[in-house]
All heavy atoms as atom14 arrays in JSON, in Angstrom:
{
  "sequence": "VLTVRRLDIREVIQKTRFGNIDLLPANMSLIRANMDVMMDSQ",
  "atom14_mask": [
    [1, 1, 1, 1, 1, 1, 1, 0, 0, 0, 0, 0, 0, 0],
    [1, 1, 1, 1, 1, 1, 1, 1, 0, 0, 0, 0, 0, 0],
    [1, 1, 1, 1, 1, 1, 1, 0, 0, 0, 0, 0, 0, 0],
    [1, 1, 1, 1, 1, 1, 1, 0, 0, 0, 0, 0, 0, 0],
    [1, 1, 1, 1, 1, 1, 1, 1, 1, 1, 1, 0, 0, 0],
    [1, 1, 1, 1, 1, 1, 1, 1, 1, 1, 1, 0, 0, 0],
    [1, 1, 1, 1, 1, 1, 1, 1, 0, 0, 0, 0, 0, 0],
    [1, 1, 1, 1, 1, 1, 1, 1, 0, 0, 0, 0, 0, 0],
    [1, 1, 1, 1, 1, 1, 1, 1, 0, 0, 0, 0, 0, 0],
    [1, 1, 1, 1, 1, 1, 1, 1, 1, 1, 1, 0, 0, 0],
    [1, 1, 1, 1, 1, 1, 1, 1, 1, 0, 0, 0, 0, 0],
    [1, 1, 1, 1, 1, 1, 1, 0, 0, 0, 0, 0, 0, 0],
    [1, 1, 1, 1, 1, 1, 1, 1, 0, 0, 0, 0, 0, 0],
    [1, 1, 1, 1, 1, 1, 1, 1, 1, 0, 0, 0, 0, 0],
    [1, 1, 1, 1, 1, 1, 1, 1, 1, 0, 0, 0, 0, 0],
    [1, 1, 1, 1, 1, 1, 1, 0, 0, 0, 0, 0, 0, 0],
    [1, 1, 1, 1, 1, 1, 1, 1, 1, 1, 1, 0, 0, 0],
    [1, 1, 1, 1, 1, 1, 1, 1, 1, 1, 1, 0, 0, 0],
    [1, 1, 1, 1, 0, 0, 0, 0, 0, 0, 0, 0, 0, 0],
    [1, 1, 1, 1, 1, 1, 1, 1, 0, 0, 0, 0, 0, 0],
    [1, 1, 1, 1, 1, 1, 1, 1, 0, 0, 0, 0, 0, 0],
    [1, 1, 1, 1, 1, 1, 1, 1, 0, 0, 0, 0, 0, 0],
    [1, 1, 1, 1, 1, 1, 1, 1, 0, 0, 0, 0, 0, 0],
    [1, 1, 1, 1, 1, 1, 1, 1, 0, 0, 0, 0, 0, 0],
    [1, 1, 1, 1, 1, 1, 1, 0, 0, 0, 0, 0, 0, 0],
    [1, 1, 1, 1, 1, 0, 0, 0, 0, 0, 0, 0, 0, 0],
    [1, 1, 1, 1, 1, 1, 1, 1, 0, 0, 0, 0, 0, 0],
    [1, 1, 1, 1, 1, 1, 1, 1, 0, 0, 0, 0, 0, 0],
    [1, 1, 1, 1, 1, 1, 0, 0, 0, 0, 0, 0, 0, 0],
    [1, 1, 1, 1, 1, 1, 1, 1, 0, 0, 0, 0, 0, 0],
    [1, 1, 1, 1, 1, 1, 1, 1, 0, 0, 0, 0, 0, 0],
    [1, 1, 1, 1, 1, 1, 1, 1, 1, 1, 1, 0, 0, 0],
    [1, 1, 1, 1, 1, 0, 0, 0, 0, 0, 0, 0, 0, 0],
    [1, 1, 1, 1, 1, 1, 1, 1, 0, 0, 0, 0, 0, 0],
    [1, 1, 1, 1, 1, 1, 1, 1, 0, 0, 0, 0, 0, 0],
    [1, 1, 1, 1, 1, 1, 1, 1, 0, 0, 0, 0, 0, 0],
    [1, 1, 1, 1, 1, 1, 1, 0, 0, 0, 0, 0, 0, 0],
    [1, 1, 1, 1, 1, 1, 1, 1, 0, 0, 0, 0, 0, 0],
    [1, 1, 1, 1, 1, 1, 1, 1, 0, 0, 0, 0, 0, 0],
    [1, 1, 1, 1, 1, 1, 1, 1, 0, 0, 0, 0, 0, 0],
    [1, 1, 1, 1, 1, 1, 0, 0, 0, 0, 0, 0, 0, 0],
    [1, 1, 1, 1, 1, 1, 1, 1, 1, 0, 0, 0, 0, 0]
  ],
  "atom14_positions": [
    [[50.83, -38.26, -37.67], [52.01, -38.0, -36.84], [51.74, -36.86, -35.87], [52.17, -36.9, -34.71], [53.23, -37.68, -37.74], [54.43, -37.24, -36.9], [53.59, -38.89, -38.59], [0.0, 0.0, 0.0], [0.0, 0.0, 0.0], [0.0, 0.0, 0.0], [0.0, 0.0, 0.0], [0.0, 0.0, 0.0], [0.0, 0.0, 0.0], [0.0, 0.0, 0.0]],
    [[51.03, -35.84, -36.32], [50.78, -34.67, -35.49], [49.66, -34.86, -34.48], [49.61, -34.16, -33.47], [50.46, -33.47, -36.38], [51.59, -32.97, -37.28], [51.06, -31.88, -38.22], [52.76, -32.45, -36.47], [0.0, 0.0, 0.0], [0.0, 0.0, 0.0], [0.0, 0.0, 0.0], [0.0, 0.0, 0.0], [0.0, 0.0, 0.0], [0.0, 0.0, 0.0]],
    [[48.77, -35.8, -34.74], [47.56, -35.88, -33.9], [47.41, -37.17, -33.1], [46.71, -37.17, -32.08], [46.29, -35.71, -34.77], [46.26, -36.73, -35.78], [46.28, -34.33, -35.43], [0.0, 0.0, 0.0], [0.0, 0.0, 0.0], [0.0, 0.0, 0.0], [0.0, 0.0, 0.0], [0.0, 0.0, 0.0], [0.0, 0.0, 0.0], [0.0, 0.0, 0.0]],
    [[48.02, -38.26, -33.54], [47.83, -39.55, -32.87], [48.91, -39.75, -31.8], [50.1, -39.69, -32.1], [47.85, -40.71, -33.88], [47.7, -42.05, -33.17], [46.75, -40.53, -34.92], [0.0, 0.0, 0.0], [0.0, 0.0, 0.0], [0.0, 0.0, 0.0], [0.0, 0.0, 0.0], [0.0, 0.0, 0.0], [0.0, 0.0, 0.0], [0.0, 0.0, 0.0]],
    [[48.5, -40.01, -30.59], [49.44, -40.21, -29.49], [50.25, -41.49, -29.7], [49.71, -42.52, -30.1], [48.7, -40.3, -28.16], [48.13, -38.98, -27.66], [47.39, -39.2, -26.36], [46.86, -37.94, -25.83], [47.52, -37.17, -24.97], [48.72, -37.53, -24.54], [46.98, -36.06, -24.51], [0.0, 0.0, 0.0], [0.0, 0.0, 0.0], [0.0, 0.0, 0.0]],
    [[51.52, -41.39, -29.39], [52.44, -42.54, -29.38], [52.46, -43.3, -30.71], [52.69, -44.5, -30.75], [52.1, -43.5, -28.23], [52.39, -42.9, -26.86], [52.05, -43.86, -25.74], [50.6, -44.02, -25.59], [49.84, -43.18, -24.91], [50.36, -42.13, -24.32], [48.53, -43.39, -24.82], [0.0, 0.0, 0.0], [0.0, 0.0, 0.0], [0.0, 0.0, 0.0]],
    [[52.23, -42.6, -31.79], [52.32, -43.23, -33.11], [53.79, -43.37, -33.5], [54.57, -42.42, -33.4], [51.6, -42.38, -34.16], [51.68, -42.87, -35.61], [50.95, -44.2, -35.76], [51.09, -41.84, -36.56], [0.0, 0.0, 0.0], [0.0, 0.0, 0.0], [0.0, 0.0, 0.0], [0.0, 0.0, 0.0], [0.0, 0.0, 0.0], [0.0, 0.0, 0.0]],
    [[54.18, -44.54, -33.95], [55.54, -44.77, -34.42], [55.64, -44.23, -35.85], [54.96, -44.71, -36.75], [55.87, -46.26, -34.4], [57.34, -46.54, -34.69], [58.02, -45.69, -35.3], [57.81, -47.64, -34.32], [0.0, 0.0, 0.0], [0.0, 0.0, 0.0], [0.0, 0.0, 0.0], [0.0, 0.0, 0.0], [0.0, 0.0, 0.0], [0.0, 0.0, 0.0]],
    [[56.5, -43.23, -36.05], [56.61, -42.59, -37.36], [57.02, -43.57, -38.45], [56.72, -43.37, -39.63], [57.6, -41.4, -37.29], [57.41, -40.45, -38.48], [59.04, -41.89, -37.2], [58.21, -39.18, -38.38], [0.0, 0.0, 0.0], [0.0, 0.0, 0.0], [0.0, 0.0, 0.0], [0.0, 0.0, 0.0], [0.0, 0.0, 0.0], [0.0, 0.0, 0.0]],
    [[57.64, -44.67, -38.06], [58.05, -45.68, -39.04], [56.84, -46.35, -39.69], [56.96, -46.95, -40.77], [58.96, -46.7, -38.39], [60.38, -46.16, -38.14], [61.18, -47.02, -37.21], [60.74, -46.85, -35.82], [61.52, -47.03, -34.76], [62.78, -47.38, -34.92], [61.04, -46.88, -33.55], [0.0, 0.0, 0.0], [0.0, 0.0, 0.0], [0.0, 0.0, 0.0]],
    [[55.67, -46.24, -39.06], [54.45, -46.77, -39.65], [53.93, -45.86, -40.77], [53.06, -46.26, -41.55], [53.36, -46.91, -38.59], [53.69, -47.89, -37.47], [52.58, -47.92, -36.43], [51.46, -47.46, -36.75], [52.83, -48.37, -35.3], [0.0, 0.0, 0.0], [0.0, 0.0, 0.0], [0.0, 0.0, 0.0], [0.0, 0.0, 0.0], [0.0, 0.0, 0.0]],
    [[54.43, -44.64, -40.82], [53.92, -43.64, -41.75], [54.88, -43.39, -42.91], [54.45, -43.11, -44.03], [53.65, -42.31, -41.0], [52.93, -41.32, -41.91], [52.84, -42.56, -39.73], [0.0, 0.0, 0.0], [0.0, 0.0, 0.0], [0.0, 0.0, 0.0], [0.0, 0.0, 0.0], [0.0, 0.0, 0.0], [0.0, 0.0, 0.0], [0.0, 0.0, 0.0]],
    [[56.17, -43.5, -42.67], [57.18, -43.24, -43.7], [57.04, -44.25, -44.83], [56.93, -45.46, -44.6], [58.59, -43.29, -43.09], [58.79, -42.11, -42.12], [59.66, -43.28, -44.18], [60.07, -42.2, -41.31], [0.0, 0.0, 0.0], [0.0, 0.0, 0.0], [0.0, 0.0, 0.0], [0.0, 0.0, 0.0], [0.0, 0.0, 0.0], [0.0, 0.0, 0.0]],
    [[57.07, -43.74, -46.06], [56.92, -44.58, -47.24], [58.24, -44.66, -48.01], [58.98, -43.69, -48.1], [55.85, -43.99, -48.17], [54.48, -43.87, -47.56], [53.8, -45.21, -47.39], [53.9, -46.09, -48.26], [53.11, -45.38, -46.27], [0.0, 0.0, 0.0], [0.0, 0.0, 0.0], [0.0, 0.0, 0.0], [0.0, 0.0, 0.0], [0.0, 0.0, 0.0]],
    [[58.51, -45.83, -48.57], [59.63, -45.98, -49.48], [59.27, -45.35, -50.83], [58.1, -45.28, -51.21], [59.96, -47.46, -49.69], [60.45, -48.17, -48.44], [61.82, -47.69, -48.03], [62.35, -48.46, -46.83], [63.67, -47.93, -46.39], [0.0, 0.0, 0.0], [0.0, 0.0, 0.0], [0.0, 0.0, 0.0], [0.0, 0.0, 0.0], [0.0, 0.0, 0.0]],
    [[60.28, -44.88, -51.55], [60.06, -44.37, -52.9], [60.87, -45.22, -53.88], [61.62, -46.11, -53.48], [60.5, -42.9, -53.03], [61.94, -42.82, -53.03], [59.93, -42.06, -51.89], [0.0, 0.0, 0.0], [0.0, 0.0, 0.0], [0.0, 0.0, 0.0], [0.0, 0.0, 0.0], [0.0, 0.0, 0.0], [0.0, 0.0, 0.0], [0.0, 0.0, 0.0]],
    [[60.72, -44.94, -55.16], [61.47, -45.7, -56.17], [62.96, -45.4, -56.13], [63.75, -46.08, -56.77], [60.91, -45.44, -57.57], [61.01, -44.0, -58.06], [60.25, -43.84, -59.37], [60.24, -42.46, -59.86], [61.17, -41.93, -60.64], [62.21, -42.67, -61.01], [61.08, -40.69, -61.05], [0.0, 0.0, 0.0], [0.0, 0.0, 0.0], [0.0, 0.0, 0.0]],
    [[63.32, -44.35, -55.38], [64.74, -44.04, -55.18], [65.16, -44.69, -53.86], [64.62, -44.38, -52.8], [64.96, -42.53, -55.13], [64.57, -41.83, -56.4], [63.33, -41.22, -56.52], [65.42, -41.8, -57.49], [62.96, -40.57, -57.69], [65.07, -41.17, -58.67], [63.83, -40.56, -58.77], [0.0, 0.0, 0.0], [0.0, 0.0, 0.0], [0.0, 0.0, 0.0]],
    [[66.14, -45.56, -53.93], [66.49, -46.39, -52.79], [66.81, -45.63, -51.52], [66.49, -46.1, -50.42], [0.0, 0.0, 0.0], [0.0, 0.0, 0.0], [0.0, 0.0, 0.0], [0.0, 0.0, 0.0], [0.0, 0.0, 0.0], [0.0, 0.0, 0.0], [0.0, 0.0, 0.0], [0.0, 0.0, 0.0], [0.0, 0.0, 0.0], [0.0, 0.0, 0.0]],
    [[67.44, -44.46, -51.63], [67.86, -43.73, -50.44], [66.97, -42.54, -50.11], [67.34, -41.7, -49.3], [69.31, -43.25, -50.61], [70.3, -44.37, -50.35], [70.0, -45.33, -49.66], [71.48, -44.25, -50.94], [0.0, 0.0, 0.0], [0.0, 0.0, 0.0], [0.0, 0.0, 0.0], [0.0, 0.0, 0.0], [0.0, 0.0, 0.0], [0.0, 0.0, 0.0]],
    [[65.79, -42.46, -50.75], [64.82, -41.41, -50.41], [63.57, -42.05, -49.85], [62.89, -42.82, -50.54], [64.45, -40.53, -51.62], [65.68, -39.85, -52.22], [63.41, -39.48, -51.21], [65.38, -39.02, -53.46], [0.0, 0.0, 0.0], [0.0, 0.0, 0.0], [0.0, 0.0, 0.0], [0.0, 0.0, 0.0], [0.0, 0.0, 0.0], [0.0, 0.0, 0.0]],
    [[63.26, -41.76, -48.6], [61.98, -42.13, -48.01], [61.15, -40.86, -47.86], [61.69, -39.74, -47.84], [62.17, -42.79, -46.64], [62.82, -44.16, -46.75], [62.89, -44.71, -47.87], [63.27, -44.67, -45.7], [0.0, 0.0, 0.0], [0.0, 0.0, 0.0], [0.0, 0.0, 0.0], [0.0, 0.0, 0.0], [0.0, 0.0, 0.0], [0.0, 0.0, 0.0]],
    [[59.84, -41.03, -47.74], [58.97, -39.86, -47.71], [57.88, -40.0, -46.66], [57.25, -41.05, -46.55], [58.36, -39.65, -49.1], [57.75, -38.26, -49.34], [58.0, -37.8, -50.77], [56.25, -38.25, -49.06], [0.0, 0.0, 0.0], [0.0, 0.0, 0.0], [0.0, 0.0, 0.0], [0.0, 0.0, 0.0], [0.0, 0.0, 0.0], [0.0, 0.0, 0.0]],
    [[57.69, -38.94, -45.92], [56.57, -38.83, -44.99], [55.49, -38.03, -45.72], [55.64, -36.82, -45.92], [57.01, -38.12, -43.71], [55.97, -37.92, -42.61], [55.44, -39.26, -42.13], [56.58, -37.15, -41.45], [0.0, 0.0, 0.0], [0.0, 0.0, 0.0], [0.0, 0.0, 0.0], [0.0, 0.0, 0.0], [0.0, 0.0, 0.0], [0.0, 0.0, 0.0]],
    [[54.41, -38.66, -46.15], [53.46, -38.01, -47.05], [52.47, -37.09, -46.35], [52.31, -37.11, -45.12], [52.73, -39.2, -47.69], [52.78, -40.27, -46.63], [54.09, -40.07, -45.92], [0.0, 0.0, 0.0], [0.0, 0.0, 0.0], [0.0, 0.0, 0.0], [0.0, 0.0, 0.0], [0.0, 0.0, 0.0], [0.0, 0.0, 0.0], [0.0, 0.0, 0.0]],
    [[51.79, -36.29, -47.17], [50.74, -35.39, -46.68], [49.59, -35.38, -47.68], [49.76, -35.73, -48.85], [51.28, -33.98, -46.47], [0.0, 0.0, 0.0], [0.0, 0.0, 0.0], [0.0, 0.0, 0.0], [0.0, 0.0, 0.0], [0.0, 0.0, 0.0], [0.0, 0.0, 0.0], [0.0, 0.0, 0.0], [0.0, 0.0, 0.0], [0.0, 0.0, 0.0]],
    [[48.43, -34.94, -47.2], [47.27, -34.76, -48.05], [46.36, -33.71, -47.41], [46.75, -33.06, -46.44], [46.53, -36.09, -48.3], [46.17, -36.78, -47.0], [45.64, -36.16, -46.07], [46.43, -38.08, -46.91], [0.0, 0.0, 0.0], [0.0, 0.0, 0.0], [0.0, 0.0, 0.0], [0.0, 0.0, 0.0], [0.0, 0.0, 0.0], [0.0, 0.0, 0.0]],
    [[45.17, -33.54, -47.95], [44.28, -32.48, -47.49], [43.83, -32.66, -46.03], [43.32, -31.71, -45.42], [43.05, -32.39, -48.4], [43.34, -31.75, -49.74], [43.69, -29.98, -49.58], [44.07, -29.57, -51.3], [0.0, 0.0, 0.0], [0.0, 0.0, 0.0], [0.0, 0.0, 0.0], [0.0, 0.0, 0.0], [0.0, 0.0, 0.0], [0.0, 0.0, 0.0]],
    [[44.02, -33.83, -45.47], [43.67, -34.03, -44.06], [44.53, -33.17, -43.14], [44.2, -33.0, -41.96], [43.81, -35.5, -43.67], [45.18, -35.91, -43.7], [0.0, 0.0, 0.0], [0.0, 0.0, 0.0], [0.0, 0.0, 0.0], [0.0, 0.0, 0.0], [0.0, 0.0, 0.0], [0.0, 0.0, 0.0], [0.0, 0.0, 0.0], [0.0, 0.0, 0.0]],
    [[45.6, -32.59, -43.68], [46.46, -31.73, -42.88], [45.71, -30.46, -42.43], [46.06, -29.87, -41.4], [47.71, -31.37, -43.68], [48.9, -30.79, -42.91], [49.34, -31.69, -41.77], [50.08, -30.55, -43.87], [0.0, 0.0, 0.0], [0.0, 0.0, 0.0], [0.0, 0.0, 0.0], [0.0, 0.0, 0.0], [0.0, 0.0, 0.0], [0.0, 0.0, 0.0]],
    [[44.69, -30.06, -43.18], [43.89, -28.9, -42.76], [43.24, -29.19, -41.41], [43.34, -28.39, -40.46], [42.8, -28.58, -43.81], [43.43, -28.23, -45.16], [41.91, -27.43, -43.32], [42.41, -28.08, -46.27], [0.0, 0.0, 0.0], [0.0, 0.0, 0.0], [0.0, 0.0, 0.0], [0.0, 0.0, 0.0], [0.0, 0.0, 0.0], [0.0, 0.0, 0.0]],
    [[42.59, -30.33, -41.3], [41.93, -30.72, -40.06], [42.95, -30.97, -38.96], [42.72, -30.6, -37.79], [41.09, -31.97, -40.3], [40.36, -32.46, -39.06], [39.28, -31.51, -38.62], [38.72, -31.9, -37.33], [37.71, -31.26, -36.74], [37.17, -30.2, -37.34], [37.26, -31.67, -35.59], [0.0, 0.0, 0.0], [0.0, 0.0, 0.0], [0.0, 0.0, 0.0]],
    [[44.07, -31.57, -39.32], [45.09, -31.87, -38.31], [45.61, -30.59, -37.65], [45.82, -30.55, -36.43], [46.24, -32.64, -38.94], [0.0, 0.0, 0.0], [0.0, 0.0, 0.0], [0.0, 0.0, 0.0], [0.0, 0.0, 0.0], [0.0, 0.0, 0.0], [0.0, 0.0, 0.0], [0.0, 0.0, 0.0], [0.0, 0.0, 0.0], [0.0, 0.0, 0.0]],
    [[45.82, -29.55, -38.44], [46.27, -28.28, -37.87], [45.27, -27.74, -36.87], [45.64, -27.23, -35.8], [46.51, -27.26, -38.98], [47.91, -27.34, -39.57], [48.87, -26.91, -38.94], [48.02, -27.89, -40.76], [0.0, 0.0, 0.0], [0.0, 0.0, 0.0], [0.0, 0.0, 0.0], [0.0, 0.0, 0.0], [0.0, 0.0, 0.0], [0.0, 0.0, 0.0]],
    [[44.0, -27.85, -37.18], [42.96, -27.4, -36.25], [42.94, -28.25, -35.0], [42.83, -27.74, -33.88], [41.59, -27.45, -36.95], [41.45, -26.52, -38.14], [39.91, -26.75, -39.04], [38.7, -26.43, -37.76], [0.0, 0.0, 0.0], [0.0, 0.0, 0.0], [0.0, 0.0, 0.0], [0.0, 0.0, 0.0], [0.0, 0.0, 0.0], [0.0, 0.0, 0.0]],
    [[43.08, -29.57, -35.17], [43.05, -30.47, -34.02], [44.21, -30.22, -33.07], [44.04, -30.26, -31.84], [43.06, -31.93, -34.48], [41.76, -32.34, -35.15], [40.75, -31.62, -35.0], [41.74, -33.38, -35.84], [0.0, 0.0, 0.0], [0.0, 0.0, 0.0], [0.0, 0.0, 0.0], [0.0, 0.0, 0.0], [0.0, 0.0, 0.0], [0.0, 0.0, 0.0]],
    [[45.39, -29.97, -33.63], [46.56, -29.7, -32.79], [46.34, -28.43, -31.98], [46.63, -28.37, -30.78], [47.84, -29.61, -33.64], [49.02, -29.15, -32.78], [48.16, -30.95, -34.28], [0.0, 0.0, 0.0], [0.0, 0.0, 0.0], [0.0, 0.0, 0.0], [0.0, 0.0, 0.0], [0.0, 0.0, 0.0], [0.0, 0.0, 0.0], [0.0, 0.0, 0.0]],
    [[45.82, -27.4, -32.64], [45.59, -26.13, -31.95], [44.56, -26.26, -30.83], [44.62, -25.55, -29.82], [45.14, -25.07, -32.96], [46.22, -24.64, -33.93], [47.63, -23.86, -33.11], [46.87, -22.39, -32.44], [0.0, 0.0, 0.0], [0.0, 0.0, 0.0], [0.0, 0.0, 0.0], [0.0, 0.0, 0.0], [0.0, 0.0, 0.0], [0.0, 0.0, 0.0]],
    [[43.62, -27.16, -30.98], [42.57, -27.34, -29.98], [42.98, -28.28, -28.85], [42.32, -28.34, -27.82], [41.3, -27.87, -30.65], [40.67, -26.88, -31.64], [39.28, -27.6, -32.55], [38.12, -27.92, -31.22], [0.0, 0.0, 0.0], [0.0, 0.0, 0.0], [0.0, 0.0, 0.0], [0.0, 0.0, 0.0], [0.0, 0.0, 0.0], [0.0, 0.0, 0.0]],
    [[44.06, -29.01, -29.05], [44.52, -29.99, -28.06], [45.52, -29.34, -27.12], [46.7, -29.19, -27.44], [45.16, -31.18, -28.78], [45.65, -32.25, -27.82], [45.39, -32.13, -26.59], [46.29, -33.21, -28.28], [0.0, 0.0, 0.0], [0.0, 0.0, 0.0], [0.0, 0.0, 0.0], [0.0, 0.0, 0.0], [0.0, 0.0, 0.0], [0.0, 0.0, 0.0]],
    [[45.06, -28.97, -25.95], [45.92, -28.33, -24.95], [46.47, -29.32, -23.93], [47.12, -28.93, -22.97], [45.15, -27.23, -24.23], [44.01, -27.77, -23.57], [0.0, 0.0, 0.0], [0.0, 0.0, 0.0], [0.0, 0.0, 0.0], [0.0, 0.0, 0.0], [0.0, 0.0, 0.0], [0.0, 0.0, 0.0], [0.0, 0.0, 0.0], [0.0, 0.0, 0.0]],
    [[46.24, -30.61, -24.16], [46.67, -31.62, -23.21], [48.14, -32.0, -23.35], [48.72, -32.57, -22.43], [45.81, -32.88, -23.37], [44.33, -32.64, -23.12], [44.06, -32.12, -21.72], [44.52, -32.7, -20.74], [43.34, -31.01, -21.64], [0.0, 0.0, 0.0], [0.0, 0.0, 0.0], [0.0, 0.0, 0.0], [0.0, 0.0, 0.0], [0.0, 0.0, 0.0]]
  ]
}
């Protein structure tokens, strides 16, 4: 979501076992994503 241009967030949001709770997940790739965002001045 933070690094890919024109990404539809609905492609990333996951359903959970609770009907009214959806989740936008994270993992260790967020370390690299933070660096990539900081380096992207465009």
